[in-house]
Amino acid sequence: MNYLFAILLISMLGMTSCHGQGGKSNPKARDVKTPEKSDFIISSSGKTIPKITLSENEWKEKLSSQEYDVIRKKGTERAFSGDLLSNKKDGIYACRACQLPLFDSKTKYNSGTGWPSFWEPVEDQFILRDIDHDIGYPRTEVMCMRCGGHLGHVFPDGPKPTGLRYCINSVSLTFFDRSESEKLLSNF
């Protein structure tokens, strides 16, 4: 609990925007490393989910150049440009790189920031958090726990009940409508 409070407190110092890059890639881009130490995640239903580790060449083959820049090199799509920003359909948003379900449309809201925003992930253990200082102040970066892909950032200025704003790049997500998402969720 103290760890979460520390992350939220540090994040409060930099909550003026989601990404702070003005739509440009991060000039201090870091390579994404494989998340955490274990080779799997345990879902809340008790399923063991293997993590995905690919070489950078394999990621380049799998992802478009924009997806690779954002997901693997921690870039940022331009505000108000993402194809999922205005999506109001019912369903699940999954990691574009590995299909891990990350956010439910029931937790999506319009934050006015220019990126899709959510107040809670599908499962907290599916999100990897790290503090970055890439633009001069600390922010809490969020990544997919399964593949380590960069998603965006989380800020403590969201709506109730969590008070959090997960500000996520559209290019990091794939949307599955509710009928498709039930099958997706059953795998995890």
C-alpha atoms as a PDB file:
ATOM      1  CA  MET A   1       0.000   0.000   0.000  1.00  0.00           C
ATOM      2  CA  ASN A   2       2.853   2.400   0.815  1.00  0.00           C
ATOM      3  CA  TYR A   3       4.378   1.644  -2.599  1.00  0.00           C
ATOM      4  CA  LEU A   4       1.160   2.692  -4.383  1.00  0.00           C
ATOM      5  CA  PHE A   5       0.970   5.861  -2.290  1.00  0.00           C
ATOM      6  CA  ALA A   6       4.587   6.718  -3.184  1.00  0.00           C
ATOM      7  CA  ILE A   7       3.905   6.198  -6.889  1.00  0.00           C
ATOM      8  CA  LEU A   8       0.816   8.390  -6.729  1.00  0.00           C
ATOM      9  CA  LEU A   9       2.633  11.100  -4.806  1.00  0.00           C
ATOM     10  CA  ILE A  10       5.546  11.139  -7.257  1.00  0.00           C
ATOM     11  CA  SER A  11       3.136  11.160 -10.193  1.00  0.00           C
ATOM     12  CA  MET A  12       1.319  14.197  -8.827  1.00  0.00           C
ATOM     13  CA  LEU A  13       4.382  16.281  -9.597  1.00  0.00           C
ATOM     14  CA  GLY A  14       3.869  15.776 -13.328  1.00  0.00           C
ATOM     15  CA  MET A  15       0.186  15.608 -14.169  1.00  0.00           C
ATOM     16  CA  THR A  16      -0.130  18.439 -16.691  1.00  0.00           C
ATOM     17  CA  SER A  17      -0.396  16.136 -19.687  1.00  0.00           C
ATOM     18  CA  CYS A  18      -0.385  12.479 -20.535  1.00  0.00           C
ATOM     19  CA  HIS A  19       2.873  12.234 -22.341  1.00  0.00           C
ATOM     20  CA  GLY A  20       4.423  15.692 -22.503  1.00  0.00           C
ATOM     21  CA  GLN A  21       5.963  15.062 -25.892  1.00  0.00           C
ATOM     22  CA  GLY A  22       3.623  17.073 -28.095  1.00  0.00           C
ATOM     23  CA  GLY A  23       3.197  14.027 -30.307  1.00  0.00           C
ATOM     24  CA  LYS A  24       6.912  13.492 -30.879  1.00  0.00           C
ATOM     25  CA  SER A  25       8.897  10.428 -30.028  1.00  0.00           C
ATOM     26  CA  ASN A  26      10.845  10.585 -26.829  1.00  0.00           C
ATOM     27  CA  PRO A  27      14.321  11.934 -27.670  1.00  0.00           C
ATOM     28  CA  LYS A  28      15.732   9.863 -24.807  1.00  0.00           C
ATOM     29  CA  ALA A  29      13.914   6.718 -25.929  1.00  0.00           C
ATOM     30  CA  ARG A  30      14.836   3.626 -23.997  1.00  0.00           C
ATOM     31  CA  ASP A  31      14.629   0.098 -25.258  1.00  0.00           C
ATOM     32  CA  VAL A  32      11.885  -1.910 -23.611  1.00  0.00           C
ATOM     33  CA  LYS A  33      13.200  -4.698 -21.439  1.00  0.00           C
ATOM     34  CA  THR A  34      11.379  -7.943 -20.667  1.00  0.00           C
ATOM     35  CA  PRO A  35       9.126  -7.240 -17.666  1.00  0.00           C
ATOM     36  CA  GLU A  36       9.806  -8.532 -14.176  1.00  0.00           C
ATOM     37  CA  LYS A  37      11.789 -11.646 -13.338  1.00  0.00           C
ATOM     38  CA  SER A  38       9.386 -14.572 -13.748  1.00  0.00           C
ATOM     39  CA  ASP A  39       8.432 -16.048 -17.103  1.00  0.00           C
ATOM     40  CA  PHE A  40       4.687 -15.940 -16.420  1.00  0.00           C
ATOM     41  CA  ILE A  41       1.834 -13.981 -14.852  1.00  0.00           C
ATOM     42  CA  ILE A  42      -0.892 -15.499 -12.677  1.00  0.00           C
ATOM     43  CA  SER A  43      -4.333 -14.023 -13.485  1.00  0.00           C
ATOM     44  CA  SER A  44      -6.975 -13.447 -10.808  1.00  0.00           C
ATOM     45  CA  SER A  45      -8.703 -16.603 -12.060  1.00  0.00           C
ATOM     46  CA  GLY A  46      -5.525 -18.586 -11.346  1.00  0.00           C
ATOM     47  CA  LYS A  47      -4.457 -19.102 -14.969  1.00  0.00           C
ATOM     48  CA  THR A  48      -0.755 -19.080 -15.779  1.00  0.00           C
ATOM     49  CA  ILE A  49      -0.029 -16.687 -18.650  1.00  0.00           C
ATOM     50  CA  PRO A  50       3.388 -17.044 -20.304  1.00  0.00           C
ATOM     51  CA  LYS A  51       5.273 -13.815 -20.924  1.00  0.00           C
ATOM     52  CA  ILE A  52       6.366 -13.028 -24.464  1.00  0.00           C
ATOM     53  CA  THR A  53      10.001 -12.342 -25.261  1.00  0.00           C
ATOM     54  CA  LEU A  54      10.995 -11.520 -28.821  1.00  0.00           C
ATOM     55  CA  SER A  55      14.162 -10.064 -30.298  1.00  0.00           C
ATOM     56  CA  GLU A  56      14.019  -6.490 -31.532  1.00  0.00           C
ATOM     57  CA  ASN A  57      14.121  -7.793 -35.124  1.00  0.00           C
ATOM     58  CA  GLU A  58      11.108 -10.024 -34.402  1.00  0.00           C
ATOM     59  CA  TRP A  59       9.238  -7.041 -32.913  1.00  0.00           C
ATOM     60  CA  LYS A  60      10.073  -4.959 -35.994  1.00  0.00           C
ATOM     61  CA  GLU A  61       8.584  -7.662 -38.207  1.00  0.00           C
ATOM     62  CA  LYS A  62       5.467  -8.001 -36.052  1.00  0.00           C
ATOM     63  CA  LEU A  63       4.686  -4.283 -35.536  1.00  0.00           C
ATOM     64  CA  SER A  64       4.212  -1.335 -37.888  1.00  0.00           C
ATOM     65  CA  SER A  65       6.861   1.397 -37.676  1.00  0.00           C
ATOM     66  CA  GLN A  66       4.586   3.606 -35.525  1.00  0.00           C
ATOM     67  CA  GLU A  67       3.650   0.686 -33.261  1.00  0.00           C
ATOM     68  CA  TYR A  68       7.330  -0.215 -32.880  1.00  0.00           C
ATOM     69  CA  ASP A  69       8.255   3.401 -32.060  1.00  0.00           C
ATOM     70  CA  VAL A  70       5.598   3.685 -29.348  1.00  0.00           C
ATOM     71  CA  ILE A  71       5.446   0.148 -27.951  1.00  0.00           C
ATOM     72  CA  ARG A  72       9.126  -0.805 -28.075  1.00  0.00           C
ATOM     73  CA  LYS A  73      10.927   2.565 -28.073  1.00  0.00           C
ATOM     74  CA  LYS A  74       8.542   4.386 -25.695  1.00  0.00           C
ATOM     75  CA  GLY A  75       7.478   7.025 -28.189  1.00  0.00           C
ATOM     76  CA  THR A  76       4.143   8.856 -28.102  1.00  0.00           C
ATOM     77  CA  GLU A  77       1.447   9.262 -30.713  1.00  0.00           C
ATOM     78  CA  ARG A  78       0.300  12.815 -31.404  1.00  0.00           C
ATOM     79  CA  ALA A  79      -2.546  13.986 -29.126  1.00  0.00           C
ATOM     80  CA  PHE A  80      -6.056  13.601 -30.594  1.00  0.00           C
ATOM     81  CA  SER A  81      -4.739  11.431 -33.451  1.00  0.00           C
ATOM     82  CA  GLY A  82      -5.363   7.894 -32.152  1.00  0.00           C
ATOM     83  CA  ASP A  83      -8.058   5.770 -33.749  1.00  0.00           C
ATOM     84  CA  LEU A  84      -9.375   4.566 -30.362  1.00  0.00           C
ATOM     85  CA  LEU A  85      -9.706   7.974 -28.692  1.00  0.00           C
ATOM     86  CA  SER A  86     -13.384   8.421 -29.639  1.00  0.00           C
ATOM     87  CA  ASN A  87     -14.319   4.737 -29.625  1.00  0.00           C
ATOM     88  CA  LYS A  88     -17.509   4.329 -27.586  1.00  0.00           C
ATOM     89  CA  LYS A  89     -18.168   0.649 -28.326  1.00  0.00           C
ATOM     90  CA  ASP A  90     -18.580  -1.907 -25.550  1.00  0.00           C
ATOM     91  CA  GLY A  91     -15.651  -4.282 -25.203  1.00  0.00           C
ATOM     92  CA  ILE A  92     -12.068  -4.834 -24.123  1.00  0.00           C
ATOM     93  CA  TYR A  93      -8.852  -3.024 -25.020  1.00  0.00           C
ATOM     94  CA  ALA A  94      -5.896  -5.418 -25.261  1.00  0.00           C
ATOM     95  CA  CYS A  95      -2.175  -4.926 -25.806  1.00  0.00           C
ATOM     96  CA  ARG A  96      -1.604  -4.577 -29.535  1.00  0.00           C
ATOM     97  CA  ALA A  97       1.702  -6.456 -29.299  1.00  0.00           C
ATOM     98  CA  CYS A  98       0.566  -9.534 -27.323  1.00  0.00           C
ATOM     99  CA  GLN A  99      -3.256  -9.424 -26.957  1.00  0.00           C
ATOM    100  CA  LEU A 100      -3.246  -9.351 -23.131  1.00  0.00           C
ATOM    101  CA  PRO A 101      -6.579  -7.794 -22.025  1.00  0.00           C
ATOM    102  CA  LEU A 102      -5.759  -4.501 -20.325  1.00  0.00           C
ATOM    103  CA  PHE A 103      -8.796  -2.206 -20.046  1.00  0.00           C
ATOM    104  CA  ASP A 104     -12.576  -2.605 -20.151  1.00  0.00           C
ATOM    105  CA  SER A 105     -14.636  -0.011 -22.047  1.00  0.00           C
ATOM    106  CA  LYS A 106     -16.715   0.362 -18.857  1.00  0.00           C
ATOM    107  CA  THR A 107     -13.720   2.153 -17.285  1.00  0.00           C
ATOM    108  CA  LYS A 108     -12.980   4.416 -20.282  1.00  0.00           C
ATOM    109  CA  TYR A 109     -13.814   8.110 -20.062  1.00  0.00           C
ATOM    110  CA  ASN A 110     -13.097  11.367 -21.878  1.00  0.00           C
ATOM    111  CA  SER A 111     -10.282  13.087 -19.996  1.00  0.00           C
ATOM    112  CA  GLY A 112      -9.874  15.788 -22.655  1.00  0.00           C
ATOM    113  CA  THR A 113      -6.144  15.065 -22.910  1.00  0.00           C
ATOM    114  CA  GLY A 114      -6.123  13.623 -26.435  1.00  0.00           C
ATOM    115  CA  TRP A 115      -5.406   9.999 -25.528  1.00  0.00           C
ATOM    116  CA  PRO A 116      -7.763   7.195 -24.482  1.00  0.00           C
ATOM    117  CA  SER A 117      -8.148   7.315 -20.701  1.00  0.00           C
ATOM    118  CA  PHE A 118      -9.259   4.656 -18.246  1.00  0.00           C
ATOM    119  CA  TRP A 119      -9.714   4.720 -14.477  1.00  0.00           C
ATOM    120  CA  GLU A 120      -8.815   1.063 -13.882  1.00  0.00           C
ATOM    121  CA  PRO A 121      -7.132  -1.887 -15.664  1.00  0.00           C
ATOM    122  CA  VAL A 122      -8.863  -5.237 -16.195  1.00  0.00           C
ATOM    123  CA  GLU A 123      -6.408  -6.786 -13.738  1.00  0.00           C
ATOM    124  CA  ASP A 124      -3.853  -4.772 -11.798  1.00  0.00           C
ATOM    125  CA  GLN A 125      -1.189  -7.466 -12.211  1.00  0.00           C
ATOM    126  CA  PHE A 126      -1.407  -7.099 -16.012  1.00  0.00           C
ATOM    127  CA  ILE A 127       0.119  -3.600 -15.744  1.00  0.00           C
ATOM    128  CA  LEU A 128       3.810  -3.000 -15.063  1.00  0.00           C
ATOM    129  CA  ARG A 129       4.652   0.405 -13.563  1.00  0.00           C
ATOM    130  CA  ASP A 130       7.929   2.303 -13.554  1.00  0.00           C
ATOM    131  CA  ILE A 131       8.947   5.880 -12.797  1.00  0.00           C
ATOM    132  CA  ASP A 132      10.517   7.739 -15.705  1.00  0.00           C
ATOM    133  CA  HIS A 133      12.164  11.164 -15.716  1.00  0.00           C
ATOM    134  CA  ASP A 134      12.476  11.433 -19.488  1.00  0.00           C
ATOM    135  CA  ILE A 135      10.905  14.884 -19.809  1.00  0.00           C
ATOM    136  CA  GLY A 136      12.367  16.507 -16.707  1.00  0.00           C
ATOM    137  CA  TYR A 137       9.906  15.437 -14.018  1.00  0.00           C
ATOM    138  CA  PRO A 138       8.830  12.065 -12.636  1.00  0.00           C
ATOM    139  CA  ARG A 139       5.870  10.248 -14.199  1.00  0.00           C
ATOM    140  CA  THR A 140       4.556   6.746 -13.676  1.00  0.00           C
ATOM    141  CA  GLU A 141       4.971   4.853 -16.933  1.00  0.00           C
ATOM    142  CA  VAL A 142       2.649   1.897 -17.538  1.00  0.00           C
ATOM    143  CA  MET A 143       3.619  -1.118 -19.623  1.00  0.00           C
ATOM    144  CA  CYS A 144       2.092  -4.456 -20.509  1.00  0.00           C
ATOM    145  CA  MET A 145       3.251  -7.040 -17.985  1.00  0.00           C
ATOM    146  CA  ARG A 146       3.208  -9.817 -20.591  1.00  0.00           C
ATOM    147  CA  CYS A 147       5.470  -8.289 -23.263  1.00  0.00           C
ATOM    148  CA  GLY A 148       6.856  -5.142 -21.638  1.00  0.00           C
ATOM    149  CA  GLY A 149       5.289  -2.916 -24.299  1.00  0.00           C
ATOM    150  CA  HIS A 150       4.949   0.789 -23.477  1.00  0.00           C
ATOM    151  CA  LEU A 151       1.311   1.840 -23.070  1.00  0.00           C
ATOM    152  CA  GLY A 152       1.444   5.362 -21.647  1.00  0.00           C
ATOM    153  CA  HIS A 153       1.323   6.807 -18.123  1.00  0.00           C
ATOM    154  CA  VAL A 154      -0.934   6.828 -15.071  1.00  0.00           C
ATOM    155  CA  PHE A 155      -1.782   9.989 -13.116  1.00  0.00           C
ATOM    156  CA  PRO A 156      -3.650  10.560  -9.827  1.00  0.00           C
ATOM    157  CA  ASP A 157      -6.181  13.006 -11.297  1.00  0.00           C
ATOM    158  CA  GLY A 158      -8.827  10.609 -12.610  1.00  0.00           C
ATOM    159  CA  PRO A 159     -12.465  10.072 -11.644  1.00  0.00           C
ATOM    160  CA  LYS A 160     -13.879   8.023  -8.797  1.00  0.00           C
ATOM    161  CA  PRO A 161     -13.773   5.304  -7.687  1.00  0.00           C
ATOM    162  CA  THR A 162      -9.976   4.983  -8.177  1.00  0.00           C
ATOM    163  CA  GLY A 163      -8.965   8.597  -8.784  1.00  0.00           C
ATOM    164  CA  LEU A 164      -6.535   7.350 -11.449  1.00  0.00           C
ATOM    165  CA  ARG A 165      -6.160   8.307 -15.111  1.00  0.00           C
ATOM    166  CA  TYR A 166      -4.443   5.696 -17.253  1.00  0.00           C
ATOM    167  CA  CYS A 167      -3.517   7.802 -20.287  1.00  0.00           C
ATOM    168  CA  ILE A 168      -2.812   5.285 -23.063  1.00  0.00           C
ATOM    169  CA  ASN A 169      -1.594   5.504 -26.662  1.00  0.00           C
ATOM    170  CA  SER A 170      -4.216   4.163 -29.107  1.00  0.00           C
ATOM    171  CA  VAL A 171      -1.424   2.564 -31.125  1.00  0.00           C
ATOM    172  CA  SER A 172      -0.565   0.403 -28.086  1.00  0.00           C
ATOM    173  CA  LEU A 173      -4.081  -1.062 -27.982  1.00  0.00           C
ATOM    174  CA  THR A 174      -6.360  -3.336 -29.992  1.00  0.00           C
ATOM    175  CA  PHE A 175     -10.110  -3.202 -29.393  1.00  0.00           C
ATOM    176  CA  PHE A 176     -12.323  -6.294 -29.172  1.00  0.00           C
ATOM    177  CA  ASP A 177     -16.100  -5.813 -29.057  1.00  0.00           C
ATOM    178  CA  ARG A 178     -17.909  -7.464 -26.155  1.00  0.00           C
ATOM    179  CA  SER A 179     -18.774 -10.676 -28.040  1.00  0.00           C
ATOM    180  CA  GLU A 180     -15.143 -11.114 -29.145  1.00  0.00           C
ATOM    181  CA  SER A 181     -13.790 -10.075 -25.757  1.00  0.00           C
ATOM    182  CA  GLU A 182     -15.559 -12.856 -23.846  1.00  0.00           C
ATOM    183  CA  LYS A 183     -13.519 -15.411 -25.815  1.00  0.00           C
ATOM    184  CA  LEU A 184     -10.351 -13.329 -25.336  1.00  0.00           C
ATOM    185  CA  LEU A 185     -10.922 -13.047 -21.586  1.00  0.00           C
ATOM    186  CA  SER A 186     -11.550 -16.788 -21.250  1.00  0.00           C
ATOM    187  CA  ASN A 187      -7.935 -17.340 -22.381  1.00  0.00           C
ATOM    188  CA  PHE A 188      -6.669 -15.286 -19.465  1.00  0.00           C
END
